[in-house]
Structures are given as C-alpha cells and as structure tokens.
Amino acid sequence: MNKSDLVDALAEATGMTKADAGRAVDAIFSPDTGIVAKTLRKGGRVQITGFGTFEAKQRKARTGRNPRTGQTIHIAATKTPAFRAGKGLKDGIK
C-alpha cells in the first residue's frame, strides 16, 4: 500500500473526502511538517496503544570500513527513527 492507497482507504473508511483524507495523512506522516516527525525531532516518542511506538534512537559513533578500498573510516553518531510494533498489531497479523 502506498500513500495514495492509504488516502483512498482512509476516505472510504471514514466518509471523508479524498482531499481531507490526504491532508490528514500529510498532517501525521509528512517528513517535514508531520506530527510524528516533529515529535521525533524534539526527542519525544509517539505511542499508539495497540499499534506501536515511533521513537528516535541515538546511534553511537563507530569505526567502519569502505567496501571499495578497504580503508577504515569513522562513522559519526546519528539519530535515527525507529518503530516498534505493539502487541495488538503483532497479534492482528498472526
């Protein structure tokens, strides 16, 4: 399912127009202005009971290897988004 499929399904399930459903999906999931992204940027987490948790995890700096040259390189510390599925989602898929 891609974004347009999600918008169509949301519009059908809620009776919203496709334009309203598109704005709702953007408000939640947009990488620049979405609620989830803004919360993760601030260091918070978004927990949806029964579905899962979005959070930003800190990766430590580490030493890596350039696969082309074999040279050792330094990889800086970064923040990366993570999603952990909730029990309800896990049970619903089984």
PDB file of N, CA and C in Angstrom:
ATOM      1  N   MET A   1       0.849  -1.173   0.000  1.00  0.00           N
ATOM      2  CA  MET A   1       0.000   0.000   0.000  1.00  0.00           C
ATOM      3  C   MET A   1       0.896   1.238   0.000  1.00  0.00           C
ATOM      4  N   ASN A   2       0.635   2.148  -0.916  1.00  0.00           N
ATOM      5  CA  ASN A   2       1.388   3.401  -0.947  1.00  0.00           C
ATOM      6  C   ASN A   2       0.512   4.523  -0.380  1.00  0.00           C
ATOM      7  N   LYS A   3       1.030   5.748  -0.425  1.00  0.00           N
ATOM      8  CA  LYS A   3       0.330   6.871   0.192  1.00  0.00           C
ATOM      9  C   LYS A   3      -1.049   7.102  -0.429  1.00  0.00           C
ATOM     10  N   SER A   4      -1.148   7.057  -1.743  1.00  0.00           N
ATOM     11  CA  SER A   4      -2.453   7.301  -2.375  1.00  0.00           C
ATOM     12  C   SER A   4      -3.447   6.200  -2.029  1.00  0.00           C
ATOM     13  N   ASP A   5      -2.978   4.965  -1.897  1.00  0.00           N
ATOM     14  CA  ASP A   5      -3.853   3.876  -1.461  1.00  0.00           C
ATOM     15  C   ASP A   5      -4.329   4.110  -0.027  1.00  0.00           C
ATOM     16  N   LEU A   6      -3.425   4.596   0.815  1.00  0.00           N
ATOM     17  CA  LEU A   6      -3.781   4.898   2.203  1.00  0.00           C
ATOM     18  C   LEU A   6      -4.820   6.013   2.268  1.00  0.00           C
ATOM     19  N   VAL A   7      -4.639   7.044   1.460  1.00  0.00           N
ATOM     20  CA  VAL A   7      -5.605   8.149   1.413  1.00  0.00           C
ATOM     21  C   VAL A   7      -6.967   7.630   0.956  1.00  0.00           C
ATOM     22  N   ASP A   8      -6.993   6.808  -0.084  1.00  0.00           N
ATOM     23  CA  ASP A   8      -8.253   6.237  -0.576  1.00  0.00           C
ATOM     24  C   ASP A   8      -8.939   5.395   0.498  1.00  0.00           C
ATOM     25  N   ALA A   9      -8.159   4.547   1.182  1.00  0.00           N
ATOM     26  CA  ALA A   9      -8.730   3.680   2.217  1.00  0.00           C
ATOM     27  C   ALA A   9      -9.258   4.498   3.393  1.00  0.00           C
ATOM     28  N   LEU A  10      -8.532   5.539   3.783  1.00  0.00           N
ATOM     29  CA  LEU A  10      -8.979   6.402   4.880  1.00  0.00           C
ATOM     30  C   LEU A  10     -10.263   7.138   4.514  1.00  0.00           C
ATOM     31  N   ALA A  11     -10.322   7.642   3.292  1.00  0.00           N
ATOM     32  CA  ALA A  11     -11.527   8.341   2.832  1.00  0.00           C
ATOM     33  C   ALA A  11     -12.727   7.399   2.826  1.00  0.00           C
ATOM     34  N   GLU A  12     -12.524   6.188   2.369  1.00  0.00           N
ATOM     35  CA  GLU A  12     -13.619   5.217   2.304  1.00  0.00           C
ATOM     36  C   GLU A  12     -14.060   4.773   3.702  1.00  0.00           C
ATOM     37  N   ALA A  13     -13.103   4.556   4.599  1.00  0.00           N
ATOM     38  CA  ALA A  13     -13.426   4.067   5.941  1.00  0.00           C
ATOM     39  C   ALA A  13     -14.110   5.119   6.815  1.00  0.00           C
ATOM     40  N   THR A  14     -13.788   6.398   6.581  1.00  0.00           N
ATOM     41  CA  THR A  14     -14.317   7.448   7.458  1.00  0.00           C
ATOM     42  C   THR A  14     -15.394   8.303   6.815  1.00  0.00           C
ATOM     43  N   GLY A  15     -15.576   8.199   5.513  1.00  0.00           N
ATOM     44  CA  GLY A  15     -16.539   9.041   4.822  1.00  0.00           C
ATOM     45  C   GLY A  15     -15.994  10.431   4.527  1.00  0.00           C
ATOM     46  N   MET A  16     -14.707  10.638   4.731  1.00  0.00           N
ATOM     47  CA  MET A  16     -14.064  11.920   4.421  1.00  0.00           C
ATOM     48  C   MET A  16     -13.895  12.036   2.908  1.00  0.00           C
ATOM     49  N   THR A  17     -13.702  13.264   2.448  1.00  0.00           N
ATOM     50  CA  THR A  17     -13.344  13.422   1.045  1.00  0.00           C
ATOM     51  C   THR A  17     -11.890  12.995   0.892  1.00  0.00           C
ATOM     52  N   LYS A  18     -11.491  12.689  -0.328  1.00  0.00           N
ATOM     53  CA  LYS A  18     -10.104  12.301  -0.557  1.00  0.00           C
ATOM     54  C   LYS A  18      -9.153  13.443  -0.235  1.00  0.00           C
ATOM     55  N   ALA A  19      -9.581  14.681  -0.484  1.00  0.00           N
ATOM     56  CA  ALA A  19      -8.739  15.847  -0.170  1.00  0.00           C
ATOM     57  C   ALA A  19      -8.517  15.954   1.333  1.00  0.00           C
ATOM     58  N   ASP A  20      -9.587  15.776   2.112  1.00  0.00           N
ATOM     59  CA  ASP A  20      -9.463  15.838   3.573  1.00  0.00           C
ATOM     60  C   ASP A  20      -8.607  14.679   4.089  1.00  0.00           C
ATOM     61  N   ALA A  21      -8.807  13.496   3.532  1.00  0.00           N
ATOM     62  CA  ALA A  21      -8.017  12.335   3.948  1.00  0.00           C
ATOM     63  C   ALA A  21      -6.541  12.548   3.612  1.00  0.00           C
ATOM     64  N   GLY A  22      -6.251  13.141   2.463  1.00  0.00           N
ATOM     65  CA  GLY A  22      -4.869  13.434   2.082  1.00  0.00           C
ATOM     66  C   GLY A  22      -4.218  14.415   3.040  1.00  0.00           C
ATOM     67  N   ARG A  23      -4.974  15.432   3.450  1.00  0.00           N
ATOM     68  CA  ARG A  23      -4.443  16.400   4.415  1.00  0.00           C
ATOM     69  C   ARG A  23      -4.207  15.740   5.771  1.00  0.00           C
ATOM     70  N   ALA A  24      -5.081  14.818   6.156  1.00  0.00           N
ATOM     71  CA  ALA A  24      -4.929  14.114   7.434  1.00  0.00           C
ATOM     72  C   ALA A  24      -3.678  13.235   7.425  1.00  0.00           C
ATOM     73  N   VAL A  25      -3.471  12.507   6.336  1.00  0.00           N
ATOM     74  CA  VAL A  25      -2.285  11.656   6.219  1.00  0.00           C
ATOM     75  C   VAL A  25      -1.022  12.512   6.231  1.00  0.00           C
ATOM     76  N   ASP A  26      -1.038  13.627   5.505  1.00  0.00           N
ATOM     77  CA  ASP A  26       0.115  14.532   5.498  1.00  0.00           C
ATOM     78  C   ASP A  26       0.377  15.115   6.882  1.00  0.00           C
ATOM     79  N   ALA A  27      -0.676  15.472   7.597  1.00  0.00           N
ATOM     80  CA  ALA A  27      -0.513  16.061   8.926  1.00  0.00           C
ATOM     81  C   ALA A  27       0.160  15.092   9.890  1.00  0.00           C
ATOM     82  N   ILE A  28      -0.055  13.819   9.698  1.00  0.00           N
ATOM     83  CA  ILE A  28       0.542  12.822  10.584  1.00  0.00           C
ATOM     84  C   ILE A  28       1.914  12.376  10.093  1.00  0.00           C
ATOM     85  N   PHE A  29       2.057  12.057   8.812  1.00  0.00           N
ATOM     86  CA  PHE A  29       3.246  11.366   8.330  1.00  0.00           C
ATOM     87  C   PHE A  29       4.217  12.177   7.483  1.00  0.00           C
ATOM     88  N   SER A  30       3.944  13.445   7.205  1.00  0.00           N
ATOM     89  CA  SER A  30       4.850  14.238   6.379  1.00  0.00           C
ATOM     90  C   SER A  30       6.241  14.294   7.026  1.00  0.00           C
ATOM     91  N   PRO A  31       7.312  14.048   6.254  1.00  0.00           N
ATOM     92  CA  PRO A  31       8.658  14.049   6.838  1.00  0.00           C
ATOM     93  C   PRO A  31       9.124  15.421   7.305  1.00  0.00           C
ATOM     94  N   ASP A  32       8.546  16.487   6.784  1.00  0.00           N
ATOM     95  CA  ASP A  32       8.971  17.834   7.173  1.00  0.00           C
ATOM     96  C   ASP A  32       8.073  18.439   8.251  1.00  0.00           C
ATOM     97  N   THR A  33       6.767  18.360   8.051  1.00  0.00           N
ATOM     98  CA  THR A  33       5.836  19.055   8.937  1.00  0.00           C
ATOM     99  C   THR A  33       4.891  18.126   9.676  1.00  0.00           C
ATOM    100  N   GLY A  34       5.047  16.839   9.525  1.00  0.00           N
ATOM    101  CA  GLY A  34       4.143  15.880  10.158  1.00  0.00           C
ATOM    102  C   GLY A  34       4.311  15.804  11.658  1.00  0.00           C
ATOM    103  N   ILE A  35       3.260  15.411  12.333  1.00  0.00           N
ATOM    104  CA  ILE A  35       3.249  15.315  13.783  1.00  0.00           C
ATOM    105  C   ILE A  35       4.293  14.318  14.278  1.00  0.00           C
ATOM    106  N   VAL A  36       4.399  13.164  13.632  1.00  0.00           N
ATOM    107  CA  VAL A  36       5.357  12.145  14.054  1.00  0.00           C
ATOM    108  C   VAL A  36       6.786  12.669  13.907  1.00  0.00           C
ATOM    109  N   ALA A  37       7.119  13.250  12.776  1.00  0.00           N
ATOM    110  CA  ALA A  37       8.476  13.744  12.540  1.00  0.00           C
ATOM    111  C   ALA A  37       8.849  14.872  13.500  1.00  0.00           C
ATOM    112  N   LYS A  38       7.922  15.797  13.737  1.00  0.00           N
ATOM    113  CA  LYS A  38       8.188  16.901  14.661  1.00  0.00           C
ATOM    114  C   LYS A  38       8.463  16.384  16.067  1.00  0.00           C
ATOM    115  N   THR A  39       7.665  15.420  16.499  1.00  0.00           N
ATOM    116  CA  THR A  39       7.835  14.859  17.838  1.00  0.00           C
ATOM    117  C   THR A  39       9.173  14.144  17.966  1.00  0.00           C
ATOM    118  N   LEU A  40       9.554  13.380  16.948  1.00  0.00           N
ATOM    119  CA  LEU A  40      10.838  12.668  16.991  1.00  0.00           C
ATOM    120  C   LEU A  40      12.007  13.643  16.976  1.00  0.00           C
ATOM    121  N   ARG A  41      11.893  14.730  16.215  1.00  0.00           N
ATOM    122  CA  ARG A  41      12.949  15.741  16.180  1.00  0.00           C
ATOM    123  C   ARG A  41      13.181  16.367  17.546  1.00  0.00           C
ATOM    124  N   LYS A  42      12.099  16.518  18.314  1.00  0.00           N
ATOM    125  CA  LYS A  42      12.197  17.108  19.653  1.00  0.00           C
ATOM    126  C   LYS A  42      12.697  16.108  20.684  1.00  0.00           C
ATOM    127  N   GLY A  43      12.880  14.853  20.280  1.00  0.00           N
ATOM    128  CA  GLY A  43      13.360  13.826  21.199  1.00  0.00           C
ATOM    129  C   GLY A  43      12.250  13.043  21.871  1.00  0.00           C
ATOM    130  N   GLY A  44      11.013  13.296  21.488  1.00  0.00           N
ATOM    131  CA  GLY A  44       9.875  12.589  22.074  1.00  0.00           C
ATOM    132  C   GLY A  44       9.578  11.288  21.350  1.00  0.00           C
ATOM    133  N   ARG A  45       8.488  10.687  21.740  1.00  0.00           N
ATOM    134  CA  ARG A  45       8.050   9.467  21.058  1.00  0.00           C
ATOM    135  C   ARG A  45       6.550   9.509  20.883  1.00  0.00           C
ATOM    136  N   VAL A  46       6.070   8.791  19.879  1.00  0.00           N
ATOM    137  CA  VAL A  46       4.639   8.726  19.590  1.00  0.00           C
ATOM    138  C   VAL A  46       4.207   7.288  19.837  1.00  0.00           C
ATOM    139  N   GLN A  47       3.358   7.116  20.837  1.00  0.00           N
ATOM    140  CA  GLN A  47       2.906   5.782  21.203  1.00  0.00           C
ATOM    141  C   GLN A  47       1.419   5.666  20.910  1.00  0.00           C
ATOM    142  N   ILE A  48       1.069   4.718  20.062  1.00  0.00           N
ATOM    143  CA  ILE A  48      -0.326   4.451  19.718  1.00  0.00           C
ATOM    144  C   ILE A  48      -0.642   3.064  20.282  1.00  0.00           C
ATOM    145  N   THR A  49      -1.372   3.048  21.369  1.00  0.00           N
ATOM    146  CA  THR A  49      -1.658   1.804  22.080  1.00  0.00           C
ATOM    147  C   THR A  49      -2.287   0.777  21.141  1.00  0.00           C
ATOM    148  N   GLY A  50      -1.733  -0.411  21.156  1.00  0.00           N
ATOM    149  CA  GLY A  50      -2.221  -1.499  20.320  1.00  0.00           C
ATOM    150  C   GLY A  50      -1.623  -1.516  18.929  1.00  0.00           C
ATOM    151  N   PHE A  51      -1.027  -0.392  18.499  1.00  0.00           N
ATOM    152  CA  PHE A  51      -0.434  -0.327  17.163  1.00  0.00           C
ATOM    153  C   PHE A  51       1.087  -0.362  17.243  1.00  0.00           C
ATOM    154  N   GLY A  52       1.681   0.601  17.962  1.00  0.00           N
ATOM    155  CA  GLY A  52       3.125   0.609  18.082  1.00  0.00           C
ATOM    156  C   GLY A  52       3.655   1.949  18.547  1.00  0.00           C
ATOM    157  N   THR A  53       4.986   2.045  18.573  1.00  0.00           N
ATOM    158  CA  THR A  53       5.666   3.234  19.069  1.00  0.00           C
ATOM    159  C   THR A  53       6.707   3.693  18.068  1.00  0.00           C
ATOM    160  N   PHE A  54       6.653   4.987  17.741  1.00  0.00           N
ATOM    161  CA  PHE A  54       7.688   5.630  16.935  1.00  0.00           C
ATOM    162  C   PHE A  54       8.604   6.363  17.905  1.00  0.00           C
ATOM    163  N   GLU A  55       9.924   6.196  17.751  1.00  0.00           N
ATOM    164  CA  GLU A  55      10.856   6.925  18.595  1.00  0.00           C
ATOM    165  C   GLU A  55      12.160   7.158  17.854  1.00  0.00           C
ATOM    166  N   ALA A  56      12.917   8.140  18.337  1.00  0.00           N
ATOM    167  CA  ALA A  56      14.229   8.431  17.759  1.00  0.00           C
ATOM    168  C   ALA A  56      15.274   7.755  18.629  1.00  0.00           C
ATOM    169  N   LYS A  57      16.135   6.975  18.011  1.00  0.00           N
ATOM    170  CA  LYS A  57      17.198   6.292  18.746  1.00  0.00           C
ATOM    171  C   LYS A  57      18.538   6.897  18.380  1.00  0.00           C
ATOM    172  N   GLN A  58      19.416   6.958  19.360  1.00  0.00           N
ATOM    173  CA  GLN A  58      20.752   7.503  19.159  1.00  0.00           C
ATOM    174  C   GLN A  58      21.697   6.356  18.805  1.00  0.00           C
ATOM    175  N   ARG A  59      22.409   6.507  17.699  1.00  0.00           N
ATOM    176  CA  ARG A  59      23.434   5.532  17.318  1.00  0.00           C
ATOM    177  C   ARG A  59      24.787   6.104  17.706  1.00  0.00           C
ATOM    178  N   LYS A  60      25.587   5.308  18.351  1.00  0.00           N
ATOM    179  CA  LYS A  60      26.909   5.756  18.767  1.00  0.00           C
ATOM    180  C   LYS A  60      27.835   5.877  17.563  1.00  0.00           C
ATOM    181  N   ALA A  61      28.864   6.700  17.712  1.00  0.00           N
ATOM    182  CA  ALA A  61      29.901   6.780  16.677  1.00  0.00           C
ATOM    183  C   ALA A  61      30.624   5.442  16.639  1.00  0.00           C
ATOM    184  N   ARG A  62      31.077   5.074  15.459  1.00  0.00           N
ATOM    185  CA  ARG A  62      31.746   3.771  15.336  1.00  0.00           C
ATOM    186  C   ARG A  62      32.743   3.812  14.193  1.00  0.00           C
ATOM    187  N   THR A  63      33.535   2.773  14.115  1.00  0.00           N
ATOM    188  CA  THR A  63      34.506   2.637  13.047  1.00  0.00           C
ATOM    189  C   THR A  63      33.932   1.689  12.003  1.00  0.00           C
ATOM    190  N   GLY A  64      34.018   2.087  10.744  1.00  0.00           N
ATOM    191  CA  GLY A  64      33.531   1.252   9.653  1.00  0.00           C
ATOM    192  C   GLY A  64      34.627   1.009   8.638  1.00  0.00           C
ATOM    193  N   ARG A  65      34.260   0.386   7.554  1.00  0.00           N
ATOM    194  CA  ARG A  65      35.236   0.072   6.521  1.00  0.00           C
ATOM    195  C   ARG A  65      34.635   0.393   5.164  1.00  0.00           C
ATOM    196  N   ASN A  66      35.369   1.128   4.351  1.00  0.00           N
ATOM    197  CA  ASN A  66      34.939   1.435   2.996  1.00  0.00           C
ATOM    198  C   ASN A  66      35.009   0.138   2.198  1.00  0.00           C
ATOM    199  N   PRO A  67      33.892  -0.351   1.674  1.00  0.00           N
ATOM    200  CA  PRO A  67      33.903  -1.641   0.976  1.00  0.00           C
ATOM    201  C   PRO A  67      34.704  -1.618  -0.327  1.00  0.00           C
ATOM    202  N   ARG A  68      34.833  -0.447  -0.928  1.00  0.00           N
ATOM    203  CA  ARG A  68      35.555  -0.359  -2.188  1.00  0.00           C
ATOM    204  C   ARG A  68      37.074  -0.406  -1.981  1.00  0.00           C
ATOM    205  N   THR A  69      37.557   0.363  -0.985  1.00  0.00           N
ATOM    206  CA  THR A  69      39.005   0.470  -0.788  1.00  0.00           C
ATOM    207  C   THR A  69      39.511  -0.348   0.386  1.00  0.00           C
ATOM    208  N   GLY A  70      38.622  -0.725   1.303  1.00  0.00           N
ATOM    209  CA  GLY A  70      39.038  -1.456   2.487  1.00  0.00           C
ATOM    210  C   GLY A  70      39.586  -0.540   3.579  1.00  0.00           C
ATOM    211  N   GLN A  71      39.597   0.769   3.315  1.00  0.00           N
ATOM    212  CA  GLN A  71      40.131   1.734   4.271  1.00  0.00           C
ATOM    213  C   GLN A  71      39.185   1.889   5.461  1.00  0.00           C
ATOM    214  N   THR A  72      39.748   2.008   6.663  1.00  0.00           N
ATOM    215  CA  THR A  72      38.969   2.225   7.864  1.00  0.00           C
ATOM    216  C   THR A  72      38.499   3.674   7.901  1.00  0.00           C
ATOM    217  N   ILE A  73      37.205   3.858   8.217  1.00  0.00           N
ATOM    218  CA  ILE A  73      36.649   5.215   8.278  1.00  0.00           C
ATOM    219  C   ILE A  73      35.896   5.405   9.597  1.00  0.00           C
ATOM    220  N   HIS A  74      35.733   6.661   9.995  1.00  0.00           N
ATOM    221  CA  HIS A  74      34.975   6.989  11.199  1.00  0.00           C
ATOM    222  C   HIS A  74      33.544   7.327  10.779  1.00  0.00           C
ATOM    223  N   ILE A  75      32.577   6.704  11.435  1.00  0.00           N
ATOM    224  CA  ILE A  75      31.172   6.983  11.179  1.00  0.00           C
ATOM    225  C   ILE A  75      30.646   7.742  12.392  1.00  0.00           C
ATOM    226  N   ALA A  76      30.149   8.952  12.160  1.00  0.00           N
ATOM    227  CA  ALA A  76      29.698   9.821  13.248  1.00  0.00           C
ATOM    228  C   ALA A  76      28.415   9.299  13.891  1.00  0.00           C
ATOM    229  N   ALA A  77      28.165   9.755  15.110  1.00  0.00           N
ATOM    230  CA  ALA A  77      26.930   9.414  15.814  1.00  0.00           C
ATOM    231  C   ALA A  77      25.752  10.069  15.093  1.00  0.00           C
ATOM    232  N   THR A  78      24.617   9.386  15.079  1.00  0.00           N
ATOM    233  CA  THR A  78      23.424   9.912  14.412  1.00  0.00           C
ATOM    234  C   THR A  78      22.178   9.563  15.205  1.00  0.00           C
ATOM    235  N   LYS A  79      21.106  10.301  14.933  1.00  0.00           N
ATOM    236  CA  LYS A  79      19.789   9.953  15.438  1.00  0.00           C
ATOM    237  C   LYS A  79      19.029   9.311  14.283  1.00  0.00           C
ATOM    238  N   THR A  80      18.347   8.237  14.557  1.00  0.00           N
ATOM    239  CA  THR A  80      17.620   7.527  13.517  1.00  0.00           C
ATOM    240  C   THR A  80      16.219   7.160  14.013  1.00  0.00           C
ATOM    241  N   PRO A  81      15.211   7.247  13.156  1.00  0.00           N
ATOM    242  CA  PRO A  81      13.859   6.884  13.588  1.00  0.00           C
ATOM    243  C   PRO A  81      13.712   5.366  13.691  1.00  0.00           C
ATOM    244  N   ALA A  82      12.865   4.948  14.630  1.00  0.00           N
ATOM    245  CA  ALA A  82      12.616   3.521  14.820  1.00  0.00           C
ATOM    246  C   ALA A  82      11.135   3.316  15.104  1.00  0.00           C
ATOM    247  N   PHE A  83      10.631   2.173  14.717  1.00  0.00           N
ATOM    248  CA  PHE A  83       9.246   1.801  15.005  1.00  0.00           C
ATOM    249  C   PHE A  83       9.247   0.437  15.661  1.00  0.00           C
ATOM    250  N   ARG A  84       8.531   0.337  16.763  1.00  0.00           N
ATOM    251  CA  ARG A  84       8.392  -0.944  17.450  1.00  0.00           C
ATOM    252  C   ARG A  84       6.908  -1.293  17.460  1.00  0.00           C
ATOM    253  N   ALA A  85       6.555  -2.401  16.854  1.00  0.00           N
ATOM    254  CA  ALA A  85       5.150  -2.813  16.746  1.00  0.00           C
ATOM    255  C   ALA A  85       4.593  -3.178  18.107  1.00  0.00           C
ATOM    256  N   GLY A  86       3.324  -2.809  18.338  1.00  0.00           N
ATOM    257  CA  GLY A  86       2.642  -3.132  19.585  1.00  0.00           C
ATOM    258  C   GLY A  86       2.034  -4.529  19.539  1.00  0.00           C
ATOM    259  N   LYS A  87       1.607  -4.984  20.700  1.00  0.00           N
ATOM    260  CA  LYS A  87       1.049  -6.331  20.818  1.00  0.00           C
ATOM    261  C   LYS A  87      -0.192  -6.507  19.948  1.00  0.00           C
ATOM    262  N   GLY A  88      -1.055  -5.500  19.900  1.00  0.00           N
ATOM    263  CA  GLY A  88      -2.268  -5.617  19.098  1.00  0.00           C
ATOM    264  C   GLY A  88      -1.977  -5.797  17.626  1.00  0.00           C
ATOM    265  N   LEU A  89      -0.992  -5.057  17.101  1.00  0.00           N
ATOM    266  CA  LEU A  89      -0.605  -5.193  15.700  1.00  0.00           C
ATOM    267  C   LEU A  89       0.023  -6.555  15.428  1.00  0.00           C
ATOM    268  N   LYS A  90       0.896  -6.980  16.340  1.00  0.00           N
ATOM    269  CA  LYS A  90       1.546  -8.289  16.184  1.00  0.00           C
ATOM    270  C   LYS A  90       0.510  -9.417  16.182  1.00  0.00           C
ATOM    271  N   ASP A  91      -0.426  -9.348  17.119  1.00  0.00           N
ATOM    272  CA  ASP A  91      -1.454 -10.389  17.204  1.00  0.00           C
ATOM    273  C   ASP A  91      -2.398 -10.338  16.011  1.00  0.00           C
ATOM    274  N   GLY A  92      -2.676  -9.145  15.489  1.00  0.00           N
ATOM    275  CA  GLY A  92      -3.566  -8.992  14.348  1.00  0.00           C
ATOM    276  C   GLY A  92      -2.995  -9.541  13.052  1.00  0.00           C
ATOM    277  N   ILE A  93      -1.679  -9.615  12.965  1.00  0.00           N
ATOM    278  CA  ILE A  93      -1.024 -10.123  11.753  1.00  0.00           C
ATOM    279  C   ILE A  93      -0.933 -11.638  11.749  1.00  0.00           C
ATOM    280  N   LYS A  94      -0.868 -12.236  12.924  1.00  0.00           N
ATOM    281  CA  LYS A  94      -0.694 -13.706  13.017  1.00  0.00           C
ATOM    282  C   LYS A  94      -1.811 -14.457  12.405  1.00  0.00           C
TER     283      LYS A  94
END
